[in-house]
mmCIF file of all heavy atoms, coordinates in Angstrom:
data_MODEL
# 
_entry.id   MODEL 
# 
loop_
_atom_site.group_PDB 
_atom_site.id 
_atom_site.type_symbol 
_atom_site.label_atom_id 
_atom_site.label_alt_id 
_atom_site.label_comp_id 
_atom_site.label_asym_id 
_atom_site.label_entity_id 
_atom_site.label_seq_id 
_atom_site.pdbx_PDB_ins_code 
_atom_site.Cartn_x 
_atom_site.Cartn_y 
_atom_site.Cartn_z 
_atom_site.occupancy 
_atom_site.B_iso_or_equiv 
_atom_site.pdbx_formal_charge 
_atom_site.auth_seq_id 
_atom_site.auth_comp_id 
_atom_site.auth_asym_id 
_atom_site.auth_atom_id 
_atom_site.pdbx_PDB_model_num 
ATOM 1   N N   . HIS A 1 1  ? 0.806  -1.213 0.000   1.00 0.00 ? 1  HIS A N   1 
ATOM 2   C CA  . HIS A 1 1  ? 0.000  0.000  0.000   1.00 0.00 ? 1  HIS A CA  1 
ATOM 3   C C   . HIS A 1 1  ? 0.844  1.270  0.000   1.00 0.00 ? 1  HIS A C   1 
ATOM 4   O O   . HIS A 1 1  ? 0.326  2.354  -0.295  1.00 0.00 ? 1  HIS A O   1 
ATOM 5   C CB  . HIS A 1 1  ? -0.928 0.018  1.221   1.00 0.00 ? 1  HIS A CB  1 
ATOM 6   C CG  . HIS A 1 1  ? -1.997 -1.027 1.179   1.00 0.00 ? 1  HIS A CG  1 
ATOM 7   N ND1 . HIS A 1 1  ? -1.997 -2.108 2.024   1.00 0.00 ? 1  HIS A ND1 1 
ATOM 8   C CD2 . HIS A 1 1  ? -3.096 -1.151 0.382   1.00 0.00 ? 1  HIS A CD2 1 
ATOM 9   C CE1 . HIS A 1 1  ? -3.062 -2.864 1.772   1.00 0.00 ? 1  HIS A CE1 1 
ATOM 10  N NE2 . HIS A 1 1  ? -3.738 -2.306 0.777   1.00 0.00 ? 1  HIS A NE2 1 
ATOM 11  N N   . LEU A 1 2  ? 2.118  1.168  0.345   1.00 0.00 ? 2  LEU A N   1 
ATOM 12  C CA  . LEU A 1 2  ? 2.927  2.375  0.513   1.00 0.00 ? 2  LEU A CA  1 
ATOM 13  C C   . LEU A 1 2  ? 3.217  3.058  -0.814  1.00 0.00 ? 2  LEU A C   1 
ATOM 14  O O   . LEU A 1 2  ? 3.236  4.296  -0.896  1.00 0.00 ? 2  LEU A O   1 
ATOM 15  C CB  . LEU A 1 2  ? 4.230  2.031  1.237   1.00 0.00 ? 2  LEU A CB  1 
ATOM 16  C CG  . LEU A 1 2  ? 4.057  1.368  2.615   1.00 0.00 ? 2  LEU A CG  1 
ATOM 17  C CD1 . LEU A 1 2  ? 5.392  1.297  3.331   1.00 0.00 ? 2  LEU A CD1 1 
ATOM 18  C CD2 . LEU A 1 2  ? 3.033  2.102  3.460   1.00 0.00 ? 2  LEU A CD2 1 
ATOM 19  N N   . LYS A 1 3  ? 3.433  2.275  -1.871  1.00 0.00 ? 3  LYS A N   1 
ATOM 20  C CA  . LYS A 1 3  ? 3.664  2.868  -3.190  1.00 0.00 ? 3  LYS A CA  1 
ATOM 21  C C   . LYS A 1 3  ? 2.417  3.610  -3.655  1.00 0.00 ? 3  LYS A C   1 
ATOM 22  O O   . LYS A 1 3  ? 2.505  4.697  -4.235  1.00 0.00 ? 3  LYS A O   1 
ATOM 23  C CB  . LYS A 1 3  ? 4.052  1.776  -4.184  1.00 0.00 ? 3  LYS A CB  1 
ATOM 24  C CG  . LYS A 1 3  ? 4.415  2.308  -5.559  1.00 0.00 ? 3  LYS A CG  1 
ATOM 25  C CD  . LYS A 1 3  ? 4.883  1.174  -6.466  1.00 0.00 ? 3  LYS A CD  1 
ATOM 26  C CE  . LYS A 1 3  ? 5.272  1.714  -7.844  1.00 0.00 ? 3  LYS A CE  1 
ATOM 27  N NZ  . LYS A 1 3  ? 5.743  0.620  -8.741  1.00 0.00 ? 3  LYS A NZ  1 
ATOM 28  N N   . ARG A 1 4  ? 1.260  3.046  -3.400  1.00 0.00 ? 4  ARG A N   1 
ATOM 29  C CA  . ARG A 1 4  ? 0.008  3.707  -3.793  1.00 0.00 ? 4  ARG A CA  1 
ATOM 30  C C   . ARG A 1 4  ? -0.196 4.996  -2.990  1.00 0.00 ? 4  ARG A C   1 
ATOM 31  O O   . ARG A 1 4  ? -0.637 6.012  -3.544  1.00 0.00 ? 4  ARG A O   1 
ATOM 32  C CB  . ARG A 1 4  ? -1.171 2.753  -3.586  1.00 0.00 ? 4  ARG A CB  1 
ATOM 33  C CG  . ARG A 1 4  ? -1.160 1.535  -4.506  1.00 0.00 ? 4  ARG A CG  1 
ATOM 34  C CD  . ARG A 1 4  ? -2.282 0.582  -4.140  1.00 0.00 ? 4  ARG A CD  1 
ATOM 35  N NE  . ARG A 1 4  ? -3.580 1.240  -4.276  1.00 0.00 ? 4  ARG A NE  1 
ATOM 36  C CZ  . ARG A 1 4  ? -4.688 0.807  -3.675  1.00 0.00 ? 4  ARG A CZ  1 
ATOM 37  N NH1 . ARG A 1 4  ? -4.635 -0.249 -2.860  1.00 0.00 ? 4  ARG A NH1 1 
ATOM 38  N NH2 . ARG A 1 4  ? -5.826 1.440  -3.866  1.00 0.00 ? 4  ARG A NH2 1 
ATOM 39  N N   . ALA A 1 5  ? 0.118  4.966  -1.709  1.00 0.00 ? 5  ALA A N   1 
ATOM 40  C CA  . ALA A 1 5  ? -0.018 6.165  -0.884  1.00 0.00 ? 5  ALA A CA  1 
ATOM 41  C C   . ALA A 1 5  ? 0.889  7.272  -1.396  1.00 0.00 ? 5  ALA A C   1 
ATOM 42  O O   . ALA A 1 5  ? 0.492  8.445  -1.467  1.00 0.00 ? 5  ALA A O   1 
ATOM 43  C CB  . ALA A 1 5  ? 0.294  5.844  0.574   1.00 0.00 ? 5  ALA A CB  1 
ATOM 44  N N   . ALA A 1 6  ? 2.130  6.919  -1.765  1.00 0.00 ? 6  ALA A N   1 
ATOM 45  C CA  . ALA A 1 6  ? 3.059  7.916  -2.294  1.00 0.00 ? 6  ALA A CA  1 
ATOM 46  C C   . ALA A 1 6  ? 2.559  8.479  -3.613  1.00 0.00 ? 6  ALA A C   1 
ATOM 47  O O   . ALA A 1 6  ? 2.705  9.681  -3.888  1.00 0.00 ? 6  ALA A O   1 
ATOM 48  C CB  . ALA A 1 6  ? 4.445  7.290  -2.469  1.00 0.00 ? 6  ALA A CB  1 
ATOM 49  N N   . ARG A 1 7  ? 1.959  7.640  -4.436  1.00 0.00 ? 7  ARG A N   1 
ATOM 50  C CA  . ARG A 1 7  ? 1.432  8.114  -5.719  1.00 0.00 ? 7  ARG A CA  1 
ATOM 51  C C   . ARG A 1 7  ? 0.288  9.099  -5.497  1.00 0.00 ? 7  ARG A C   1 
ATOM 52  O O   . ARG A 1 7  ? 0.202  10.125 -6.169  1.00 0.00 ? 7  ARG A O   1 
ATOM 53  C CB  . ARG A 1 7  ? 0.968  6.925  -6.555  1.00 0.00 ? 7  ARG A CB  1 
ATOM 54  C CG  . ARG A 1 7  ? 0.570  7.286  -7.991  1.00 0.00 ? 7  ARG A CG  1 
ATOM 55  C CD  . ARG A 1 7  ? 0.220  6.036  -8.763  1.00 0.00 ? 7  ARG A CD  1 
ATOM 56  N NE  . ARG A 1 7  ? 1.340  5.106  -8.787  1.00 0.00 ? 7  ARG A NE  1 
ATOM 57  C CZ  . ARG A 1 7  ? 1.221  3.817  -9.157  1.00 0.00 ? 7  ARG A CZ  1 
ATOM 58  N NH1 . ARG A 1 7  ? 0.042  3.323  -9.475  1.00 0.00 ? 7  ARG A NH1 1 
ATOM 59  N NH2 . ARG A 1 7  ? 2.277  3.042  -9.167  1.00 0.00 ? 7  ARG A NH2 1 
ATOM 60  N N   . ILE A 1 8  ? -0.587 8.791  -4.567  1.00 0.00 ? 8  ILE A N   1 
ATOM 61  C CA  . ILE A 1 8  ? -1.679 9.717  -4.248  1.00 0.00 ? 8  ILE A CA  1 
ATOM 62  C C   . ILE A 1 8  ? -1.127 11.024 -3.712  1.00 0.00 ? 8  ILE A C   1 
ATOM 63  O O   . ILE A 1 8  ? -1.583 12.110 -4.081  1.00 0.00 ? 8  ILE A O   1 
ATOM 64  C CB  . ILE A 1 8  ? -2.647 9.064  -3.231  1.00 0.00 ? 8  ILE A CB  1 
ATOM 65  C CG1 . ILE A 1 8  ? -3.443 7.953  -3.909  1.00 0.00 ? 8  ILE A CG1 1 
ATOM 66  C CG2 . ILE A 1 8  ? -3.584 10.102 -2.621  1.00 0.00 ? 8  ILE A CG2 1 
ATOM 67  C CD1 . ILE A 1 8  ? -4.321 7.162  -2.968  1.00 0.00 ? 8  ILE A CD1 1 
ATOM 68  N N   . SER A 1 9  ? -0.132 10.951 -2.847  1.00 0.00 ? 9  SER A N   1 
ATOM 69  C CA  . SER A 1 9  ? 0.473  12.165 -2.294  1.00 0.00 ? 9  SER A CA  1 
ATOM 70  C C   . SER A 1 9  ? 1.033  13.050 -3.397  1.00 0.00 ? 9  SER A C   1 
ATOM 71  O O   . SER A 1 9  ? 0.844  14.276 -3.393  1.00 0.00 ? 9  SER A O   1 
ATOM 72  C CB  . SER A 1 9  ? 1.578  11.788 -1.308  1.00 0.00 ? 9  SER A CB  1 
ATOM 73  O OG  . SER A 1 9  ? 2.228  12.933 -0.802  1.00 0.00 ? 9  SER A OG  1 
ATOM 74  N N   . GLY A 1 10 ? 1.716  12.456 -4.373  1.00 0.00 ? 10 GLY A N   1 
ATOM 75  C CA  . GLY A 1 10 ? 2.256  13.235 -5.470  1.00 0.00 ? 10 GLY A CA  1 
ATOM 76  C C   . GLY A 1 10 ? 1.173  13.888 -6.310  1.00 0.00 ? 10 GLY A C   1 
ATOM 77  O O   . GLY A 1 10 ? 1.307  15.047 -6.728  1.00 0.00 ? 10 GLY A O   1 
ATOM 78  N N   . ALA A 1 11 ? 0.085  13.164 -6.568  1.00 0.00 ? 11 ALA A N   1 
ATOM 79  C CA  . ALA A 1 11 ? -1.008 13.721 -7.352  1.00 0.00 ? 11 ALA A CA  1 
ATOM 80  C C   . ALA A 1 11 ? -1.711 14.846 -6.596  1.00 0.00 ? 11 ALA A C   1 
ATOM 81  O O   . ALA A 1 11 ? -2.109 15.862 -7.193  1.00 0.00 ? 11 ALA A O   1 
ATOM 82  C CB  . ALA A 1 11 ? -2.006 12.619 -7.713  1.00 0.00 ? 11 ALA A CB  1 
ATOM 83  N N   . VAL A 1 12 ? -1.869 14.696 -5.285  1.00 0.00 ? 12 VAL A N   1 
ATOM 84  C CA  . VAL A 1 12 ? -2.468 15.757 -4.469  1.00 0.00 ? 12 VAL A CA  1 
ATOM 85  C C   . VAL A 1 12 ? -1.598 17.006 -4.522  1.00 0.00 ? 12 VAL A C   1 
ATOM 86  O O   . VAL A 1 12 ? -2.096 18.135 -4.632  1.00 0.00 ? 12 VAL A O   1 
ATOM 87  C CB  . VAL A 1 12 ? -2.660 15.286 -3.018  1.00 0.00 ? 12 VAL A CB  1 
ATOM 88  C CG1 . VAL A 1 12 ? -3.000 16.459 -2.101  1.00 0.00 ? 12 VAL A CG1 1 
ATOM 89  C CG2 . VAL A 1 12 ? -3.758 14.235 -2.941  1.00 0.00 ? 12 VAL A CG2 1 
ATOM 90  N N   . GLY A 1 13 ? -0.282 16.838 -4.465  1.00 0.00 ? 13 GLY A N   1 
ATOM 91  C CA  . GLY A 1 13 ? 0.619  17.979 -4.539  1.00 0.00 ? 13 GLY A CA  1 
ATOM 92  C C   . GLY A 1 13 ? 0.476  18.737 -5.845  1.00 0.00 ? 13 GLY A C   1 
ATOM 93  O O   . GLY A 1 13 ? 0.447  19.976 -5.855  1.00 0.00 ? 13 GLY A O   1 
ATOM 94  N N   . LEU A 1 14 ? 0.391  18.022 -6.952  1.00 0.00 ? 14 LEU A N   1 
ATOM 95  C CA  . LEU A 1 14 ? 0.222  18.681 -8.244  1.00 0.00 ? 14 LEU A CA  1 
ATOM 96  C C   . LEU A 1 14 ? -1.106 19.441 -8.314  1.00 0.00 ? 14 LEU A C   1 
ATOM 97  O O   . LEU A 1 14 ? -1.167 20.570 -8.835  1.00 0.00 ? 14 LEU A O   1 
ATOM 98  C CB  . LEU A 1 14 ? 0.287  17.654 -9.368  1.00 0.00 ? 14 LEU A CB  1 
ATOM 99  C CG  . LEU A 1 14 ? 1.682  17.206 -9.804  1.00 0.00 ? 14 LEU A CG  1 
ATOM 100 C CD1 . LEU A 1 14 ? 1.579  16.076 -10.821 1.00 0.00 ? 14 LEU A CD1 1 
ATOM 101 C CD2 . LEU A 1 14 ? 2.459  18.374 -10.397 1.00 0.00 ? 14 LEU A CD2 1 
ATOM 102 N N   . ALA A 1 15 ? -2.160 18.821 -7.808  1.00 0.00 ? 15 ALA A N   1 
ATOM 103 C CA  . ALA A 1 15 ? -3.465 19.492 -7.814  1.00 0.00 ? 15 ALA A CA  1 
ATOM 104 C C   . ALA A 1 15 ? -3.438 20.737 -6.937  1.00 0.00 ? 15 ALA A C   1 
ATOM 105 O O   . ALA A 1 15 ? -3.985 21.788 -7.302  1.00 0.00 ? 15 ALA A O   1 
ATOM 106 C CB  . ALA A 1 15 ? -4.547 18.523 -7.335  1.00 0.00 ? 15 ALA A CB  1 
ATOM 107 N N   . ALA A 1 16 ? -2.788 20.643 -5.777  1.00 0.00 ? 16 ALA A N   1 
ATOM 108 C CA  . ALA A 1 16 ? -2.685 21.797 -4.890  1.00 0.00 ? 16 ALA A CA  1 
ATOM 109 C C   . ALA A 1 16 ? -1.864 22.905 -5.529  1.00 0.00 ? 16 ALA A C   1 
ATOM 110 O O   . ALA A 1 16 ? -2.149 24.095 -5.353  1.00 0.00 ? 16 ALA A O   1 
ATOM 111 C CB  . ALA A 1 16 ? -2.061 21.387 -3.548  1.00 0.00 ? 16 ALA A CB  1 
ATOM 112 N N   . LEU A 1 17 ? -0.837 22.543 -6.289  1.00 0.00 ? 17 LEU A N   1 
ATOM 113 C CA  . LEU A 1 17 ? -0.047 23.538 -6.994  1.00 0.00 ? 17 LEU A CA  1 
ATOM 114 C C   . LEU A 1 17 ? -0.912 24.309 -7.981  1.00 0.00 ? 17 LEU A C   1 
ATOM 115 O O   . LEU A 1 17 ? -0.789 25.535 -8.110  1.00 0.00 ? 17 LEU A O   1 
ATOM 116 C CB  . LEU A 1 17 ? 1.116  22.871 -7.729  1.00 0.00 ? 17 LEU A CB  1 
ATOM 117 C CG  . LEU A 1 17 ? 1.962  23.796 -8.599  1.00 0.00 ? 17 LEU A CG  1 
ATOM 118 C CD1 . LEU A 1 17 ? 2.698  24.822 -7.757  1.00 0.00 ? 17 LEU A CD1 1 
ATOM 119 C CD2 . LEU A 1 17 ? 2.946  22.984 -9.448  1.00 0.00 ? 17 LEU A CD2 1 
ATOM 120 N N   . GLY A 1 18 ? -1.790 23.594 -8.690  1.00 0.00 ? 18 GLY A N   1 
ATOM 121 C CA  . GLY A 1 18 ? -2.690 24.268 -9.609  1.00 0.00 ? 18 GLY A CA  1 
ATOM 122 C C   . GLY A 1 18 ? -3.573 25.280 -8.910  1.00 0.00 ? 18 GLY A C   1 
ATOM 123 O O   . GLY A 1 18 ? -3.756 26.411 -9.388  1.00 0.00 ? 18 GLY A O   1 
ATOM 124 N N   . VAL A 1 19 ? -4.105 24.891 -7.753  1.00 0.00 ? 19 VAL A N   1 
ATOM 125 C CA  . VAL A 1 19 ? -4.941 25.799 -6.974  1.00 0.00 ? 19 VAL A CA  1 
ATOM 126 C C   . VAL A 1 19 ? -4.125 27.001 -6.509  1.00 0.00 ? 19 VAL A C   1 
ATOM 127 O O   . VAL A 1 19 ? -4.555 28.163 -6.620  1.00 0.00 ? 19 VAL A O   1 
ATOM 128 C CB  . VAL A 1 19 ? -5.565 25.069 -5.766  1.00 0.00 ? 19 VAL A CB  1 
ATOM 129 C CG1 . VAL A 1 19 ? -6.315 26.048 -4.865  1.00 0.00 ? 19 VAL A CG1 1 
ATOM 130 C CG2 . VAL A 1 19 ? -6.508 23.960 -6.233  1.00 0.00 ? 19 VAL A CG2 1 
ATOM 131 N N   . ALA A 1 20 ? -2.924 26.736 -5.978  1.00 0.00 ? 20 ALA A N   1 
ATOM 132 C CA  . ALA A 1 20 ? -2.094 27.811 -5.430  1.00 0.00 ? 20 ALA A CA  1 
ATOM 133 C C   . ALA A 1 20 ? -1.624 28.772 -6.515  1.00 0.00 ? 20 ALA A C   1 
ATOM 134 O O   . ALA A 1 20 ? -1.598 29.988 -6.315  1.00 0.00 ? 20 ALA A O   1 
ATOM 135 C CB  . ALA A 1 20 ? -0.891 27.217 -4.691  1.00 0.00 ? 20 ALA A CB  1 
ATOM 136 N N   . ALA A 1 21 ? -1.230 28.242 -7.678  1.00 0.00 ? 21 ALA A N   1 
ATOM 137 C CA  . ALA A 1 21 ? -0.739 29.108 -8.752  1.00 0.00 ? 21 ALA A CA  1 
ATOM 138 C C   . ALA A 1 21 ? -1.863 29.953 -9.337  1.00 0.00 ? 21 ALA A C   1 
ATOM 139 O O   . ALA A 1 21 ? -1.629 31.084 -9.783  1.00 0.00 ? 21 ALA A O   1 
ATOM 140 C CB  . ALA A 1 21 ? -0.092 28.264 -9.846  1.00 0.00 ? 21 ALA A CB  1 
ATOM 141 N N   . ALA A 1 22 ? -3.076 29.422 -9.349  1.00 0.00 ? 22 ALA A N   1 
ATOM 142 C CA  . ALA A 1 22 ? -4.204 30.169 -9.900  1.00 0.00 ? 22 ALA A CA  1 
ATOM 143 C C   . ALA A 1 22 ? -4.683 31.252 -8.942  1.00 0.00 ? 22 ALA A C   1 
ATOM 144 O O   . ALA A 1 22 ? -5.203 32.282 -9.380  1.00 0.00 ? 22 ALA A O   1 
ATOM 145 C CB  . ALA A 1 22 ? -5.354 29.216 -10.226 1.00 0.00 ? 22 ALA A CB  1 
ATOM 146 N N   . TYR A 1 23 ? -4.513 31.037 -7.638  1.00 0.00 ? 23 TYR A N   1 
ATOM 147 C CA  . TYR A 1 23 ? -5.085 31.965 -6.656  1.00 0.00 ? 23 TYR A CA  1 
ATOM 148 C C   . TYR A 1 23 ? -4.571 33.400 -6.805  1.00 0.00 ? 23 TYR A C   1 
ATOM 149 O O   . TYR A 1 23 ? -5.376 34.334 -6.831  1.00 0.00 ? 23 TYR A O   1 
ATOM 150 C CB  . TYR A 1 23 ? -4.815 31.456 -5.233  1.00 0.00 ? 23 TYR A CB  1 
ATOM 151 C CG  . TYR A 1 23 ? -5.370 32.364 -4.169  1.00 0.00 ? 23 TYR A CG  1 
ATOM 152 C CD1 . TYR A 1 23 ? -6.650 32.168 -3.668  1.00 0.00 ? 23 TYR A CD1 1 
ATOM 153 C CD2 . TYR A 1 23 ? -4.629 33.427 -3.656  1.00 0.00 ? 23 TYR A CD2 1 
ATOM 154 C CE1 . TYR A 1 23 ? -7.179 33.004 -2.689  1.00 0.00 ? 23 TYR A CE1 1 
ATOM 155 C CE2 . TYR A 1 23 ? -5.152 34.280 -2.696  1.00 0.00 ? 23 TYR A CE2 1 
ATOM 156 C CZ  . TYR A 1 23 ? -6.423 34.046 -2.216  1.00 0.00 ? 23 TYR A CZ  1 
ATOM 157 O OH  . TYR A 1 23 ? -6.948 34.888 -1.264  1.00 0.00 ? 23 TYR A OH  1 
ATOM 158 N N   . PRO A 1 24 ? -3.267 33.655 -6.883  1.00 0.00 ? 24 PRO A N   1 
ATOM 159 C CA  . PRO A 1 24 ? -2.810 35.056 -6.929  1.00 0.00 ? 24 PRO A CA  1 
ATOM 160 C C   . PRO A 1 24 ? -3.349 35.837 -8.113  1.00 0.00 ? 24 PRO A C   1 
ATOM 161 O O   . PRO A 1 24 ? -3.535 37.054 -8.029  1.00 0.00 ? 24 PRO A O   1 
ATOM 162 C CB  . PRO A 1 24 ? -1.281 34.927 -6.989  1.00 0.00 ? 24 PRO A CB  1 
ATOM 163 C CG  . PRO A 1 24 ? -0.981 33.578 -6.435  1.00 0.00 ? 24 PRO A CG  1 
ATOM 164 C CD  . PRO A 1 24 ? -2.128 32.718 -6.865  1.00 0.00 ? 24 PRO A CD  1 
# 
């Protein structure tokens, strides 16, 4: 399960980057 958890974490980071970059 650890590889899957890391993959989800990476995808969440990319999605959060999109939100953060769009906000300003």
